[in-house]
Amino acid sequence: MSAIPYRADIDGLRAVAVSAVMLFHAGATFAPGGFIGVDVFFVISGYLITSIILAELKQGTFSIWNFYERRIRRLVPALTLVIVTSAILGWFILTPDDYNNFGSSVIAAAAFYSNFHFHSQSGYFAPEAETLPLLHTWSLGVEEQFYLLAPAFILLLNLPRLERLRAPIFLVS
């Protein structure tokens, strides 16, 4: 159950962000801003997650374990489907060397560090990037790393003895 009310405007922004990414990948020349869509999605996610944590803290219902359990239930089933489907299709489509390299990207995607893995492999715009079936999971890695750090940071700022620091830190950000 969400600690914040449903926001139709945020769903509208999500639709715009996802559409920008899809149009970019479809090669639409009139919509070259696919990466802006990813950035908008990151901002929306950060806003929602922070709002949920703060609302639950205010209500006294926040649990770090429940927070992570909700993230797992939301992300892992879809990620598993993508990895398994990619592995099956890759078996038929990829060269043996590409399929071997695909194995390391499966581990990176499953462990939510695709952003680091693919950064060390090649550039996102490099010609060989199209042979990396899980390249798009780099953004999921960034999102999950935020989920790991944000709750701890917010909890730290909400410790009574750090209350004096809270206002200056948020004024700077």
N, C-alpha and C. Protein backbone atom coordinates (compact mmCIF):
# COMPACT_ATOMS: atom_id res chain seq x y z
N MET A 1 0.84 -1.17 0.00
CA MET A 1 0.00 0.00 0.00
C MET A 1 0.88 1.24 0.00
N SER A 2 0.58 2.20 -0.86
CA SER A 2 1.38 3.41 -0.99
C SER A 2 1.07 4.40 0.11
N ALA A 3 2.10 5.09 0.57
CA ALA A 3 1.93 6.09 1.62
C ALA A 3 1.58 7.45 1.04
N ILE A 4 1.51 7.57 -0.27
CA ILE A 4 1.14 8.83 -0.91
C ILE A 4 -0.02 8.57 -1.86
N PRO A 5 -0.87 9.57 -2.07
CA PRO A 5 -2.02 9.37 -2.97
C PRO A 5 -1.61 9.25 -4.43
N TYR A 6 -2.48 8.63 -5.21
CA TYR A 6 -2.25 8.48 -6.65
C TYR A 6 -2.15 9.85 -7.30
N ARG A 7 -1.22 10.00 -8.24
CA ARG A 7 -1.02 11.25 -8.95
C ARG A 7 -1.11 11.00 -10.45
N ALA A 8 -2.21 11.42 -11.06
CA ALA A 8 -2.40 11.24 -12.50
C ALA A 8 -1.36 12.03 -13.30
N ASP A 9 -0.94 13.19 -12.78
CA ASP A 9 0.06 13.99 -13.49
C ASP A 9 1.39 13.25 -13.60
N ILE A 10 1.72 12.50 -12.57
CA ILE A 10 2.97 11.72 -12.61
C ILE A 10 2.84 10.58 -13.61
N ASP A 11 1.68 9.94 -13.67
CA ASP A 11 1.48 8.90 -14.69
C ASP A 11 1.59 9.50 -16.10
N GLY A 12 1.09 10.72 -16.27
CA GLY A 12 1.22 11.39 -17.57
C GLY A 12 2.67 11.66 -17.93
N LEU A 13 3.46 12.11 -16.96
CA LEU A 13 4.89 12.31 -17.20
C LEU A 13 5.59 10.99 -17.52
N ARG A 14 5.19 9.95 -16.82
CA ARG A 14 5.75 8.61 -17.10
C ARG A 14 5.47 8.21 -18.54
N ALA A 15 4.25 8.43 -18.99
CA ALA A 15 3.88 8.07 -20.36
C ALA A 15 4.72 8.85 -21.37
N VAL A 16 4.94 10.13 -21.11
CA VAL A 16 5.77 10.95 -22.00
C VAL A 16 7.21 10.41 -22.01
N ALA A 17 7.73 10.09 -20.82
CA ALA A 17 9.11 9.59 -20.72
C ALA A 17 9.27 8.27 -21.46
N VAL A 18 8.36 7.34 -21.23
CA VAL A 18 8.44 6.03 -21.88
C VAL A 18 8.26 6.18 -23.39
N SER A 19 7.35 7.04 -23.82
CA SER A 19 7.15 7.28 -25.25
C SER A 19 8.40 7.83 -25.91
N ALA A 20 9.08 8.75 -25.23
CA ALA A 20 10.32 9.31 -25.78
C ALA A 20 11.37 8.23 -25.98
N VAL A 21 11.50 7.34 -25.01
CA VAL A 21 12.48 6.25 -25.12
C VAL A 21 12.09 5.31 -26.26
N MET A 22 10.81 4.93 -26.33
CA MET A 22 10.37 4.00 -27.37
C MET A 22 10.53 4.60 -28.76
N LEU A 23 10.17 5.88 -28.91
CA LEU A 23 10.33 6.53 -30.21
C LEU A 23 11.79 6.61 -30.62
N PHE A 24 12.65 6.91 -29.66
CA PHE A 24 14.09 6.95 -29.95
C PHE A 24 14.58 5.60 -30.46
N HIS A 25 14.22 4.53 -29.76
CA HIS A 25 14.68 3.20 -30.16
C HIS A 25 14.02 2.71 -31.45
N ALA A 26 12.87 3.27 -31.77
CA ALA A 26 12.21 2.91 -33.03
C ALA A 26 12.82 3.69 -34.20
N GLY A 27 13.73 4.62 -33.89
CA GLY A 27 14.41 5.37 -34.94
C GLY A 27 13.66 6.59 -35.43
N ALA A 28 12.68 7.06 -34.67
CA ALA A 28 11.91 8.23 -35.07
C ALA A 28 12.80 9.47 -35.05
N THR A 29 13.02 10.06 -36.21
CA THR A 29 13.90 11.22 -36.30
C THR A 29 13.27 12.47 -35.69
N PHE A 30 11.95 12.50 -35.58
CA PHE A 30 11.28 13.66 -35.00
C PHE A 30 11.31 13.65 -33.47
N ALA A 31 11.81 12.57 -32.87
CA ALA A 31 11.87 12.45 -31.41
C ALA A 31 13.24 11.93 -30.99
N PRO A 32 14.28 12.78 -31.12
CA PRO A 32 15.63 12.31 -30.81
C PRO A 32 15.97 12.29 -29.32
N GLY A 33 15.02 12.58 -28.45
CA GLY A 33 15.32 12.74 -27.02
C GLY A 33 15.03 11.54 -26.16
N GLY A 34 15.37 10.35 -26.59
CA GLY A 34 15.10 9.16 -25.79
C GLY A 34 15.77 9.19 -24.43
N PHE A 35 16.97 9.74 -24.38
CA PHE A 35 17.68 9.75 -23.11
C PHE A 35 17.10 10.78 -22.15
N ILE A 36 16.45 11.78 -22.68
CA ILE A 36 15.73 12.73 -21.82
C ILE A 36 14.58 11.99 -21.13
N GLY A 37 13.96 11.07 -21.85
CA GLY A 37 12.90 10.25 -21.26
C GLY A 37 13.41 9.44 -20.08
N VAL A 38 14.61 8.88 -20.20
CA VAL A 38 15.20 8.12 -19.10
C VAL A 38 15.46 9.05 -17.92
N ASP A 39 15.98 10.24 -18.20
CA ASP A 39 16.24 11.22 -17.13
C ASP A 39 14.96 11.62 -16.42
N VAL A 40 13.90 11.86 -17.18
CA VAL A 40 12.61 12.22 -16.58
C VAL A 40 12.12 11.08 -15.70
N PHE A 41 12.27 9.86 -16.17
CA PHE A 41 11.85 8.71 -15.40
C PHE A 41 12.64 8.61 -14.09
N PHE A 42 13.95 8.89 -14.13
CA PHE A 42 14.76 8.89 -12.91
C PHE A 42 14.26 9.92 -11.91
N VAL A 43 13.93 11.10 -12.40
CA VAL A 43 13.44 12.17 -11.51
C VAL A 43 12.12 11.76 -10.88
N ILE A 44 11.22 11.22 -11.69
CA ILE A 44 9.92 10.77 -11.17
C ILE A 44 10.13 9.69 -10.10
N SER A 45 10.96 8.72 -10.41
CA SER A 45 11.22 7.63 -9.47
C SER A 45 11.81 8.15 -8.17
N GLY A 46 12.79 9.04 -8.28
CA GLY A 46 13.40 9.60 -7.08
C GLY A 46 12.41 10.39 -6.24
N TYR A 47 11.57 11.16 -6.90
CA TYR A 47 10.55 11.93 -6.19
C TYR A 47 9.57 11.00 -5.47
N LEU A 48 9.08 9.99 -6.19
CA LEU A 48 8.09 9.09 -5.59
C LEU A 48 8.68 8.29 -4.43
N ILE A 49 9.85 7.74 -4.63
CA ILE A 49 10.46 6.93 -3.58
C ILE A 49 10.74 7.78 -2.34
N THR A 50 11.29 8.97 -2.55
CA THR A 50 11.57 9.86 -1.42
C THR A 50 10.27 10.26 -0.72
N SER A 51 9.23 10.55 -1.49
CA SER A 51 7.94 10.92 -0.90
C SER A 51 7.34 9.78 -0.09
N ILE A 52 7.45 8.57 -0.61
CA ILE A 52 6.92 7.40 0.10
C ILE A 52 7.67 7.19 1.41
N ILE A 53 8.98 7.24 1.35
CA ILE A 53 9.78 7.03 2.57
C ILE A 53 9.46 8.11 3.60
N LEU A 54 9.43 9.37 3.17
CA LEU A 54 9.15 10.46 4.12
C LEU A 54 7.75 10.35 4.71
N ALA A 55 6.76 10.00 3.88
CA ALA A 55 5.39 9.85 4.38
C ALA A 55 5.30 8.71 5.38
N GLU A 56 5.95 7.58 5.08
CA GLU A 56 5.92 6.45 6.00
C GLU A 56 6.68 6.76 7.29
N LEU A 57 7.76 7.50 7.21
CA LEU A 57 8.47 7.92 8.42
C LEU A 57 7.58 8.80 9.29
N LYS A 58 6.87 9.72 8.64
CA LYS A 58 5.97 10.63 9.37
C LYS A 58 4.85 9.84 10.04
N GLN A 59 4.34 8.81 9.36
CA GLN A 59 3.27 7.99 9.91
C GLN A 59 3.79 6.95 10.91
N GLY A 60 5.11 6.78 10.95
CA GLY A 60 5.69 5.78 11.84
C GLY A 60 5.55 4.36 11.32
N THR A 61 5.36 4.22 10.00
CA THR A 61 5.14 2.89 9.42
C THR A 61 6.29 2.43 8.53
N PHE A 62 7.36 3.22 8.42
CA PHE A 62 8.45 2.86 7.51
C PHE A 62 9.21 1.65 8.03
N SER A 63 9.45 0.72 7.14
CA SER A 63 10.27 -0.45 7.43
C SER A 63 11.21 -0.64 6.24
N ILE A 64 12.47 -0.67 6.52
CA ILE A 64 13.45 -0.86 5.44
C ILE A 64 13.23 -2.19 4.75
N TRP A 65 12.86 -3.22 5.53
CA TRP A 65 12.62 -4.54 4.94
C TRP A 65 11.40 -4.52 4.03
N ASN A 66 10.32 -3.86 4.46
CA ASN A 66 9.14 -3.75 3.60
C ASN A 66 9.44 -2.94 2.35
N PHE A 67 10.26 -1.90 2.51
CA PHE A 67 10.65 -1.07 1.36
C PHE A 67 11.35 -1.94 0.31
N TYR A 68 12.36 -2.70 0.73
CA TYR A 68 13.09 -3.54 -0.21
C TYR A 68 12.23 -4.67 -0.76
N GLU A 69 11.35 -5.21 0.05
CA GLU A 69 10.46 -6.27 -0.42
C GLU A 69 9.55 -5.75 -1.54
N ARG A 70 9.04 -4.53 -1.39
CA ARG A 70 8.20 -3.93 -2.44
C ARG A 70 9.00 -3.70 -3.72
N ARG A 71 10.23 -3.26 -3.60
CA ARG A 71 11.08 -3.04 -4.78
C ARG A 71 11.32 -4.37 -5.49
N ILE A 72 11.61 -5.42 -4.72
CA ILE A 72 11.87 -6.75 -5.30
C ILE A 72 10.63 -7.26 -6.03
N ARG A 73 9.46 -7.14 -5.39
CA ARG A 73 8.22 -7.63 -6.03
C ARG A 73 7.90 -6.85 -7.30
N ARG A 74 8.29 -5.59 -7.35
CA ARG A 74 7.99 -4.77 -8.51
C ARG A 74 8.95 -5.02 -9.66
N LEU A 75 10.23 -5.23 -9.38
CA LEU A 75 11.24 -5.27 -10.43
C LEU A 75 11.70 -6.66 -10.85
N VAL A 76 11.85 -7.56 -9.92
CA VAL A 76 12.47 -8.85 -10.23
C VAL A 76 11.65 -9.71 -11.21
N PRO A 77 10.33 -9.79 -11.10
CA PRO A 77 9.61 -10.62 -12.09
C PRO A 77 9.82 -10.16 -13.53
N ALA A 78 9.73 -8.86 -13.78
CA ALA A 78 9.92 -8.36 -15.14
C ALA A 78 11.36 -8.55 -15.60
N LEU A 79 12.32 -8.29 -14.71
CA LEU A 79 13.72 -8.47 -15.07
C LEU A 79 14.01 -9.94 -15.38
N THR A 80 13.44 -10.83 -14.61
CA THR A 80 13.63 -12.27 -14.85
C THR A 80 13.08 -12.65 -16.22
N LEU A 81 11.90 -12.16 -16.55
CA LEU A 81 11.31 -12.44 -17.86
C LEU A 81 12.20 -11.93 -18.99
N VAL A 82 12.72 -10.72 -18.84
CA VAL A 82 13.60 -10.14 -19.86
C VAL A 82 14.87 -10.96 -20.01
N ILE A 83 15.48 -11.34 -18.90
CA ILE A 83 16.73 -12.11 -18.97
C ILE A 83 16.49 -13.48 -19.59
N VAL A 84 15.45 -14.18 -19.16
CA VAL A 84 15.18 -15.52 -19.69
C VAL A 84 14.83 -15.45 -21.18
N THR A 85 13.99 -14.50 -21.56
CA THR A 85 13.62 -14.35 -22.97
C THR A 85 14.85 -14.00 -23.82
N SER A 86 15.67 -13.10 -23.31
CA SER A 86 16.89 -12.72 -24.03
C SER A 86 17.84 -13.91 -24.16
N ALA A 87 17.93 -14.71 -23.12
CA ALA A 87 18.81 -15.89 -23.17
C ALA A 87 18.33 -16.89 -24.22
N ILE A 88 17.03 -17.10 -24.26
CA ILE A 88 16.48 -18.05 -25.25
C ILE A 88 16.68 -17.53 -26.66
N LEU A 89 16.31 -16.28 -26.90
CA LEU A 89 16.48 -15.71 -28.24
C LEU A 89 17.96 -15.58 -28.61
N GLY A 90 18.78 -15.21 -27.62
CA GLY A 90 20.20 -15.07 -27.87
C GLY A 90 20.86 -16.35 -28.30
N TRP A 91 20.37 -17.47 -27.78
CA TRP A 91 20.90 -18.78 -28.16
C TRP A 91 20.83 -18.99 -29.67
N PHE A 92 19.75 -18.45 -30.29
CA PHE A 92 19.54 -18.63 -31.72
C PHE A 92 20.11 -17.49 -32.56
N ILE A 93 20.23 -16.31 -31.97
CA ILE A 93 20.59 -15.12 -32.74
C ILE A 93 22.06 -14.73 -32.59
N LEU A 94 22.61 -14.84 -31.39
CA LEU A 94 23.96 -14.36 -31.13
C LEU A 94 25.02 -15.36 -31.59
N THR A 95 26.18 -14.83 -31.91
CA THR A 95 27.32 -15.71 -32.20
C THR A 95 27.75 -16.37 -30.89
N PRO A 96 28.49 -17.47 -30.96
CA PRO A 96 28.95 -18.10 -29.72
C PRO A 96 29.75 -17.14 -28.81
N ASP A 97 30.61 -16.32 -29.39
CA ASP A 97 31.37 -15.36 -28.57
C ASP A 97 30.45 -14.33 -27.93
N ASP A 98 29.49 -13.81 -28.71
CA ASP A 98 28.54 -12.84 -28.16
C ASP A 98 27.69 -13.46 -27.07
N TYR A 99 27.32 -14.73 -27.25
CA TYR A 99 26.51 -15.40 -26.23
C TYR A 99 27.31 -15.61 -24.95
N ASN A 100 28.59 -15.94 -25.07
CA ASN A 100 29.44 -16.04 -23.88
C ASN A 100 29.52 -14.70 -23.16
N ASN A 101 29.71 -13.63 -23.91
CA ASN A 101 29.75 -12.29 -23.30
C ASN A 101 28.40 -11.92 -22.69
N PHE A 102 27.35 -12.42 -23.29
CA PHE A 102 26.01 -12.18 -22.76
C PHE A 102 25.89 -12.70 -21.33
N GLY A 103 26.56 -13.80 -21.03
CA GLY A 103 26.51 -14.37 -19.67
C GLY A 103 26.96 -13.38 -18.61
N SER A 104 28.01 -12.63 -18.88
CA SER A 104 28.47 -11.64 -17.89
C SER A 104 27.46 -10.50 -17.76
N SER A 105 26.76 -10.17 -18.83
CA SER A 105 25.75 -9.11 -18.71
C SER A 105 24.52 -9.61 -17.95
N VAL A 106 24.24 -10.92 -18.01
CA VAL A 106 23.15 -11.49 -17.22
C VAL A 106 23.47 -11.33 -15.73
N ILE A 107 24.69 -11.66 -15.35
CA ILE A 107 25.10 -11.51 -13.95
C ILE A 107 25.00 -10.05 -13.52
N ALA A 108 25.49 -9.15 -14.36
CA ALA A 108 25.44 -7.72 -14.03
C ALA A 108 24.00 -7.23 -13.89
N ALA A 109 23.13 -7.66 -14.79
CA ALA A 109 21.73 -7.23 -14.72
C ALA A 109 21.06 -7.79 -13.47
N ALA A 110 21.30 -9.06 -13.17
CA ALA A 110 20.68 -9.69 -12.02
C ALA A 110 21.17 -9.10 -10.70
N ALA A 111 22.42 -8.62 -10.70
CA ALA A 111 22.99 -8.04 -9.49
C ALA A 111 22.85 -6.51 -9.47
N PHE A 112 22.16 -5.95 -10.45
CA PHE A 112 21.87 -4.52 -10.53
C PHE A 112 23.13 -3.65 -10.59
N TYR A 113 24.10 -4.08 -11.36
CA TYR A 113 25.25 -3.22 -11.62
C TYR A 113 25.56 -3.13 -13.12
N SER A 114 24.51 -3.23 -13.93
CA SER A 114 24.68 -3.16 -15.38
C SER A 114 25.32 -1.86 -15.82
N ASN A 115 25.01 -0.77 -15.13
CA ASN A 115 25.58 0.52 -15.53
C ASN A 115 27.11 0.48 -15.47
N PHE A 116 27.67 -0.12 -14.43
CA PHE A 116 29.13 -0.23 -14.32
C PHE A 116 29.67 -1.24 -15.33
N HIS A 117 28.97 -2.35 -15.46
CA HIS A 117 29.41 -3.41 -16.37
C HIS A 117 29.49 -2.90 -17.81
N PHE A 118 28.42 -2.29 -18.30
CA PHE A 118 28.40 -1.85 -19.69
C PHE A 118 29.28 -0.62 -19.91
N HIS A 119 29.45 0.19 -18.90
CA HIS A 119 30.37 1.32 -19.02
C HIS A 119 31.80 0.81 -19.27
N SER A 120 32.15 -0.29 -18.63
CA SER A 120 33.50 -0.85 -18.80
C SER A 120 33.64 -1.63 -20.11
N GLN A 121 32.52 -2.01 -20.73
CA GLN A 121 32.56 -2.81 -21.95
C GLN A 121 32.67 -1.97 -23.22
N SER A 122 31.77 -1.00 -23.35
CA SER A 122 31.74 -0.16 -24.55
C SER A 122 30.85 1.03 -24.27
N GLY A 123 30.83 1.95 -25.18
CA GLY A 123 29.95 3.10 -25.05
C GLY A 123 28.55 2.74 -25.47
N TYR A 124 27.58 3.46 -24.93
CA TYR A 124 26.18 3.17 -25.25
C TYR A 124 25.92 3.37 -26.74
N PHE A 125 26.62 4.31 -27.37
CA PHE A 125 26.39 4.60 -28.78
C PHE A 125 27.36 3.88 -29.71
N ALA A 126 28.24 3.05 -29.16
CA ALA A 126 29.20 2.32 -29.99
C ALA A 126 28.47 1.37 -30.91
N PRO A 127 29.01 1.15 -32.11
CA PRO A 127 28.33 0.25 -33.06
C PRO A 127 28.06 -1.13 -32.48
N GLU A 128 28.98 -1.66 -31.68
CA GLU A 128 28.78 -3.00 -31.13
C GLU A 128 27.72 -3.03 -30.02
N ALA A 129 27.24 -1.86 -29.59
CA ALA A 129 26.23 -1.81 -28.53
C ALA A 129 24.94 -2.54 -28.92
N GLU A 130 24.65 -2.58 -30.20
CA GLU A 130 23.44 -3.25 -30.65
C GLU A 130 23.50 -4.76 -30.48
N THR A 131 24.69 -5.30 -30.22
CA THR A 131 24.83 -6.75 -30.00
C THR A 131 24.74 -7.09 -28.52
N LEU A 132 24.40 -6.14 -27.68
CA LEU A 132 24.31 -6.36 -26.23
C LEU A 132 22.84 -6.34 -25.81
N PRO A 133 22.21 -7.52 -25.77
CA PRO A 133 20.76 -7.59 -25.53
C PRO A 133 20.29 -6.96 -24.21
N LEU A 134 21.13 -6.93 -23.20
CA LEU A 134 20.71 -6.40 -21.90
C LEU A 134 21.26 -5.00 -21.62
N LEU A 135 21.72 -4.33 -22.65
CA LEU A 135 22.29 -2.99 -22.48
C LEU A 135 21.32 -2.04 -21.80
N HIS A 136 20.04 -2.17 -22.13
CA HIS A 136 19.04 -1.27 -21.55
C HIS A 136 18.90 -1.41 -20.03
N THR A 137 19.44 -2.48 -19.46
CA THR A 137 19.31 -2.66 -18.01
C THR A 137 20.26 -1.76 -17.22
N TRP A 138 21.07 -0.95 -17.93
CA TRP A 138 21.95 -0.01 -17.21
C TRP A 138 21.12 0.94 -16.36
N SER A 139 19.97 1.36 -16.86
CA SER A 139 19.15 2.32 -16.11
C SER A 139 18.54 1.66 -14.87
N LEU A 140 18.25 0.38 -14.96
CA LEU A 140 17.75 -0.35 -13.80
C LEU A 140 18.82 -0.45 -12.72
N GLY A 141 20.07 -0.61 -13.15
CA GLY A 141 21.18 -0.61 -12.19
C GLY A 141 21.26 0.70 -11.43
N VAL A 142 21.15 1.81 -12.16
CA VAL A 142 21.19 3.13 -11.52
C VAL A 142 20.03 3.27 -10.54
N GLU A 143 18.84 2.86 -10.97
CA GLU A 143 17.66 2.97 -10.12
C GLU A 143 17.81 2.13 -8.85
N GLU A 144 18.26 0.92 -8.98
CA GLU A 144 18.42 0.05 -7.81
C GLU A 144 19.50 0.56 -6.86
N GLN A 145 20.56 1.14 -7.41
CA GLN A 145 21.59 1.71 -6.55
C GLN A 145 21.04 2.90 -5.76
N PHE A 146 20.15 3.67 -6.38
CA PHE A 146 19.47 4.75 -5.66
C PHE A 146 18.62 4.15 -4.54
N TYR A 147 17.90 3.06 -4.83
CA TYR A 147 17.06 2.43 -3.82
C TYR A 147 17.89 1.91 -2.64
N LEU A 148 19.11 1.49 -2.91
CA LEU A 148 19.97 1.02 -1.83
C LEU A 148 20.44 2.17 -0.93
N LEU A 149 20.74 3.31 -1.54
CA LEU A 149 21.32 4.41 -0.79
C LEU A 149 20.30 5.38 -0.20
N ALA A 150 19.24 5.66 -0.92
CA ALA A 150 18.28 6.69 -0.49
C ALA A 150 17.67 6.42 0.87
N PRO A 151 17.16 5.23 1.15
CA PRO A 151 16.55 5.01 2.47
C PRO A 151 17.55 5.24 3.62
N ALA A 152 18.77 4.76 3.44
CA ALA A 152 19.77 4.94 4.50
C ALA A 152 20.07 6.42 4.70
N PHE A 153 20.20 7.16 3.61
CA PHE A 153 20.47 8.59 3.69
C PHE A 153 19.32 9.34 4.37
N ILE A 154 18.09 9.02 3.98
CA ILE A 154 16.91 9.67 4.56
C ILE A 154 16.79 9.31 6.04
N LEU A 155 17.00 8.04 6.36
CA LEU A 155 16.94 7.63 7.77
C LEU A 155 18.02 8.35 8.59
N LEU A 156 19.20 8.48 8.05
CA LEU A 156 20.29 9.17 8.73
C LEU A 156 19.91 10.63 9.00
N LEU A 157 19.33 11.28 8.02
CA LEU A 157 18.93 12.68 8.19
C LEU A 157 17.79 12.84 9.18
N ASN A 158 17.05 11.76 9.42
CA ASN A 158 15.93 11.84 10.35
C ASN A 158 16.28 11.43 11.77
N LEU A 159 17.55 11.16 12.03
CA LEU A 159 17.97 10.89 13.40
C LEU A 159 17.87 12.18 14.20
N PRO A 160 17.31 12.14 15.40
CA PRO A 160 17.12 13.37 16.18
C PRO A 160 18.39 14.19 16.36
N ARG A 161 19.53 13.55 16.57
CA ARG A 161 20.74 14.32 16.82
C ARG A 161 21.28 14.99 15.55
N LEU A 162 20.76 14.61 14.39
CA LEU A 162 21.19 15.25 13.14
C LEU A 162 20.16 16.25 12.61
N GLU A 163 19.13 16.51 13.38
CA GLU A 163 18.06 17.40 12.95
C GLU A 163 18.57 18.78 12.54
N ARG A 164 19.58 19.29 13.26
CA ARG A 164 20.14 20.62 12.94
C ARG A 164 20.74 20.65 11.54
N LEU A 165 21.24 19.51 11.04
CA LEU A 165 21.89 19.47 9.74
C LEU A 165 20.90 19.36 8.58
N ARG A 166 19.70 18.93 8.87
CA ARG A 166 18.74 18.62 7.81
C ARG A 166 18.43 19.83 6.93
N ALA A 167 18.10 20.95 7.49
CA ALA A 167 17.73 22.12 6.70
C ALA A 167 18.87 22.58 5.80
N PRO A 168 20.11 22.75 6.29
CA PRO A 168 21.17 23.18 5.38
C PRO A 168 21.44 22.20 4.25
N ILE A 169 21.35 20.90 4.51
CA ILE A 169 21.60 19.91 3.47
C ILE A 169 20.53 20.00 2.39
N PHE A 170 19.27 20.12 2.76
CA PHE A 170 18.20 20.18 1.77
C PHE A 170 18.17 21.52 1.04
N LEU A 171 18.64 22.58 1.67
CA LEU A 171 18.71 23.87 0.99
C LEU A 171 19.75 23.86 -0.12
N VAL A 172 20.81 23.10 0.08
CA VAL A 172 21.87 23.02 -0.93
C VAL A 172 21.43 22.17 -2.10
N SER A 173 20.68 21.11 -1.86
CA SER A 173 20.32 20.18 -2.94
C SER A 173 19.21 20.65 -3.79
